Amino acid sequence: MSTDREPPVTAKLLHLMFISTFWGMQIWVTFIAGFVMDNNLNRHTFGFIQSRLFPFYLHIGSACAFFNLAIFAMYHPSNMLDDKEAFQVFRTYCIVPRYGGKIQKLRTTIMSFQIAILKNLDLSGPYDLSSL
């Protein structure tokens, strides 16, 4: 369904909206929210919030990437792709989003077990890392 014509303004605006949403979310979660929570919360509360925040962050990011690639695929002439480029598009479009959620679920599960073990050992209090 690729075309050789210029994409319409709607497709360009959707592309801009998805990419700006994803980049804005990355800046917010990584720098602003991360530093504020790191400086104001103890380690376990920070980990608990991140375990709830990151799955939503990654799913929204995957959706934005998926829709950006879909818009790109609709208006990029696919007959001009060589085999390597076609495989990269296929891999990015079909294979990579499947594993992002699985890896994040595994990380969240491991972090939850770590927090539970530390609480059972009565090591769940705030730590002063400047004394180390």
Protein backbone atom coordinates (compact mmCIF):
# COMPACT_ATOMS: atom_id res chain seq x y z
CA MET A 1 0.00 0.00 0.00
CA SER A 2 2.98 2.30 -0.28
CA THR A 3 2.70 5.31 -2.50
CA ASP A 4 5.15 7.54 -4.31
CA ARG A 5 3.21 10.70 -3.57
CA GLU A 6 3.82 13.17 -0.75
CA PRO A 7 2.13 12.16 2.54
CA PRO A 8 -0.91 14.26 3.48
CA VAL A 9 -0.76 16.84 6.24
CA THR A 10 -2.70 14.53 8.58
CA ALA A 11 -0.06 11.81 8.30
CA LYS A 12 2.70 14.34 8.93
CA LEU A 13 0.89 15.71 11.99
CA LEU A 14 0.27 12.21 13.36
CA HIS A 15 3.93 11.35 12.85
CA LEU A 16 4.96 14.53 14.66
CA MET A 17 2.49 13.88 17.48
CA PHE A 18 3.66 10.30 18.04
CA ILE A 19 7.35 11.12 17.93
CA SER A 20 7.01 14.19 20.17
CA THR A 21 4.91 12.20 22.66
CA PHE A 22 7.55 9.51 22.81
CA TRP A 23 10.49 11.92 23.14
CA GLY A 24 8.67 14.06 25.70
CA MET A 25 7.83 10.99 27.73
CA GLN A 26 11.46 9.84 27.64
CA ILE A 27 12.72 13.22 28.85
CA TRP A 28 10.09 13.41 31.58
CA VAL A 29 10.46 9.86 32.92
CA THR A 30 14.24 9.72 32.66
CA PHE A 31 15.31 13.14 33.82
CA ILE A 32 12.62 15.15 35.55
CA ALA A 33 10.56 12.49 37.37
CA GLY A 34 13.54 10.20 37.93
CA PHE A 35 15.72 12.83 39.59
CA VAL A 36 12.88 14.29 41.67
CA MET A 37 11.81 10.88 42.96
CA ASP A 38 15.41 9.76 43.54
CA ASN A 39 16.14 12.82 45.67
CA ASN A 40 12.88 12.79 47.67
CA LEU A 41 11.89 9.14 48.16
CA ASN A 42 13.55 6.19 49.81
CA ARG A 43 14.79 3.37 47.63
CA HIS A 44 11.84 1.03 48.10
CA THR A 45 9.17 3.65 47.45
CA PHE A 46 11.10 4.76 44.37
CA GLY A 47 11.30 1.15 43.16
CA PHE A 48 7.60 0.57 43.81
CA ILE A 49 6.59 3.68 41.85
CA GLN A 50 8.96 2.79 39.01
CA SER A 51 7.55 -0.75 38.87
CA ARG A 52 4.09 0.73 38.28
CA LEU A 53 5.21 3.59 36.02
CA PHE A 54 7.58 1.82 33.62
CA PRO A 55 5.14 -0.74 32.14
CA PHE A 56 2.82 2.10 31.09
CA TYR A 57 5.78 4.11 29.83
CA LEU A 58 7.07 1.21 27.74
CA HIS A 59 3.66 0.28 26.33
CA ILE A 60 2.92 3.87 25.30
CA GLY A 61 6.41 4.13 23.81
CA SER A 62 5.92 0.88 21.89
CA ALA A 63 2.55 2.10 20.59
CA CYS A 64 4.07 5.40 19.44
CA ALA A 65 6.91 3.56 17.68
CA PHE A 66 4.44 1.13 16.09
CA PHE A 67 2.24 3.91 14.71
CA ASN A 68 5.26 5.88 13.48
CA LEU A 69 6.54 2.85 11.62
CA ALA A 70 3.06 2.15 10.24
CA ILE A 71 2.83 5.72 8.89
CA PHE A 72 6.32 5.37 7.44
CA ALA A 73 5.48 2.03 5.81
CA MET A 74 2.30 3.42 4.23
CA TYR A 75 4.08 6.28 2.47
CA HIS A 76 7.49 4.75 1.74
CA PRO A 77 7.86 2.90 -1.54
CA SER A 78 8.57 -0.63 -0.34
CA ASN A 79 9.74 -1.78 -3.77
CA MET A 80 12.84 0.40 -3.31
CA LEU A 81 13.94 -1.55 -0.19
CA ASP A 82 16.65 -4.14 -0.53
CA ASP A 83 16.53 -7.42 1.43
CA LYS A 84 18.39 -6.12 4.48
CA GLU A 85 16.19 -3.05 4.83
CA ALA A 86 13.02 -5.11 4.36
CA PHE A 87 14.17 -7.51 7.11
CA GLN A 88 14.91 -4.58 9.44
CA VAL A 89 11.44 -3.14 8.89
CA PHE A 90 9.86 -6.56 9.44
CA ARG A 91 11.91 -7.18 12.59
CA THR A 92 11.12 -3.77 14.05
CA TYR A 93 7.46 -3.93 13.09
CA CYS A 94 6.65 -7.49 14.17
CA ILE A 95 9.26 -9.03 16.42
CA VAL A 96 10.69 -6.34 18.73
CA PRO A 97 7.41 -5.09 20.32
CA ARG A 98 6.57 -8.64 21.45
CA TYR A 99 9.62 -8.88 23.69
CA GLY A 100 9.62 -5.40 25.22
CA GLY A 101 6.67 -6.14 27.48
CA LYS A 102 7.99 -9.58 28.44
CA ILE A 103 11.37 -8.20 29.49
CA GLN A 104 9.75 -5.44 31.53
CA LYS A 105 7.44 -7.92 33.30
CA LEU A 106 10.48 -10.00 34.22
CA ARG A 107 12.32 -6.94 35.58
CA THR A 108 9.29 -5.86 37.61
CA THR A 109 8.89 -9.36 39.05
CA ILE A 110 12.56 -9.54 40.03
CA MET A 111 12.40 -6.11 41.66
CA SER A 112 9.25 -7.09 43.60
CA PHE A 113 10.97 -10.24 44.89
CA GLN A 114 14.03 -8.20 45.87
CA ILE A 115 11.89 -5.73 47.82
CA ALA A 116 10.05 -8.59 49.58
CA ILE A 117 13.34 -10.26 50.57
CA LEU A 118 14.76 -6.99 51.92
CA LYS A 119 11.57 -6.40 53.94
CA ASN A 120 11.76 -9.95 55.37
CA LEU A 121 15.36 -9.30 56.42
CA ASP A 122 14.29 -5.97 57.97
CA LEU A 123 16.50 -4.03 55.58
CA SER A 124 13.73 -1.94 54.10
CA GLY A 125 14.59 1.35 55.77
CA PRO A 126 16.08 4.35 54.03
CA TYR A 127 19.84 4.24 53.51
CA ASP A 128 22.38 7.02 53.76
CA LEU A 129 24.74 6.27 50.91
CA SER A 130 27.10 9.12 51.86
CA SER A 131 28.38 7.05 54.80
CA LEU A 132 29.64 4.24 52.56
